[in-house]
Amino acid sequence: MIVLSKPAPFLISALAGAESPIVPKHIYEALKPEEQPRLEQTIGTGPFLLREWVPGSHLLFVRNPNYWDAPKPYVDRLVLKVVLDPAARAAALEAGEVDIGATPVPYGDIERFKVDKRFVVDTTTYAYSGPQQQLFFNFDTQILQDRRVRKAIAHAIDHRALVNVVFFGYGLISPSPVSTALPKFYDPKIQAWPFDPKAGDQLLDEAGLKRGAGGIRAKLRLTQNPFLPASFADFLRNSLRRIGLDIEILRYDLATYLNVVYRDRAFDLTIESLSNTFDPTLGVQRAYWSKNFRIGLPFSNAAHYSNPEVDQLLEAAAIEPDAEKRRAIWSKFQSIVHEEVASVDIVAAGGVIIANKKVRNFAPGAEGLNGSFADLWIDPSV
C-alpha cells in the first residue's frame, strides 16, 4: 500500500522500471552520492545482473537466473559499450561490433542506415520520453533580464531551418515548454515566435543595445548539453550574429558542462535537452519552479527563473486529480512562460534507434530503449 500526503495524478504512470525501479533499501541507504558505487552495491530486481564495470569502457550484464518473470530474459549477456564519438559508433554498427544503439550515429548518416538491409531504423517517439530541446537564459545576466532582449533572440531563430539543418528533419517544432510529444498537455495555441530578425533588431535598439564596432551590440557565452549535435550551437551563433549578438561557444564534456551550468552558472545561454518525461510535473516543473533553483543540482532551474504565479500553477498542477482542470492549469502555465520568453523552446527531437535486424523486440513498451530488455531476443536465422 502507498499512502500519500497529497494527490499525485502522475503516480500510476511513474510506476515503470525506468522511472521507479525496485531496489533493496538496506543497500541503497548506505550509498554516498558523492562516491562511485561499488560493483556489489549495484543490486536490483531486473532481468540482468551487473557483472563487470570498467568506467569509460563498458558494462557487462549477465542473465539473472532468479528473475521474477521466468523464462525471461532470453539472452545470456549484454555488453554496454561506451563510445563517445558518433562516427566511431556508426563504424562499429556497420562492422558488426555493436548490435543496437539509441541515436548512435550522426543524423546525416541515418538515411544510409535506412537503405542498408542489415539494419532496422526506428524513429518512434516513445511516450515515456517526452523529448524537448530548448534554449535557457541565465536570468542573473543583466541584459537577459530585459524581456525585449529575450524576445529578440527568439525572433532570430528559424525553427524550421534548425530542425532541418541540425537534426536533418528528425524532429518536430516544439515551441512551448510542454513538448509537442505530450499531446495530452501541450497547448497547440502556443506557436513559435515568428522568424523575424528585423523585429529582433528593433527590440534590441529599444532595449538600448546599440550596434557598435563590427555591428556588435553585446557578447554572450553559449554552451550546450554535449549529447546534442555540435551544430546546434553553431546554428544559434550564426542566427544571433544577424541581430548583433556576438556569441562565444563554450564546449565541454558532460561532467564539466553540468558543473559550469548547474554549479558555477558560468554561462549566459545554454542549449539543454530537458525531457518532459511522461508528465510535465516531473519533467517541466524542475526548470521553472523557483524553489528548484538549487546550486549544483543537475537539470534543475539553472536559469534562476522566478515567477510567483508560475510557482502557484506548478504546485497546483502537481496535485490536481481532475484531468481537465489539470490540463487547463498547464495551458495557463504555457501561456505565461511563452509570453515572458522565459525560455525559447525549439524542437522535440526523439531518439532514433538503429539495430541489427537479428535483434528482435528491443522496445516493446512506452519506455523505448529505457526498458529492461527482458523481452529482447536474437534471431539466429538473420
Foldseek 3Di string as FASTA:
>chain_A
DDDDPFAFQCVVVQPACLRDFADDPVLVVPDDPVDDDDQVSPDGQFQWHFDDDDPPFKTKTAGDVVRPDPPWDADGIDIGGRDPDLVVQVVCCVVVVDFKDWQSHALVCVVVLVPPVQKDKALDFFLQWQKFKWKAFQCVPVLVVDLLLLLLLQLLDDQVVCCCPQNVVQWDWAFWLRGPSQVLQDDVVRDGDHNDNVSSLVSCVVSVQAQDVPRAREEFEEEEQVVGGPVSVVNSQVSVVSSRYHYDYDYDHRVVVQCCQQAVVVGGMYIYTQHCGNHVLVGRCQQAALVNNDHSDGPGNSSNHDDVVLNVLSVCLRRDNDSVVSSVSSVVSRVVCSVSSSIGIRIRRGIMMMGGPQWPPCAVHSVGVSHRSRHIDGHPVD
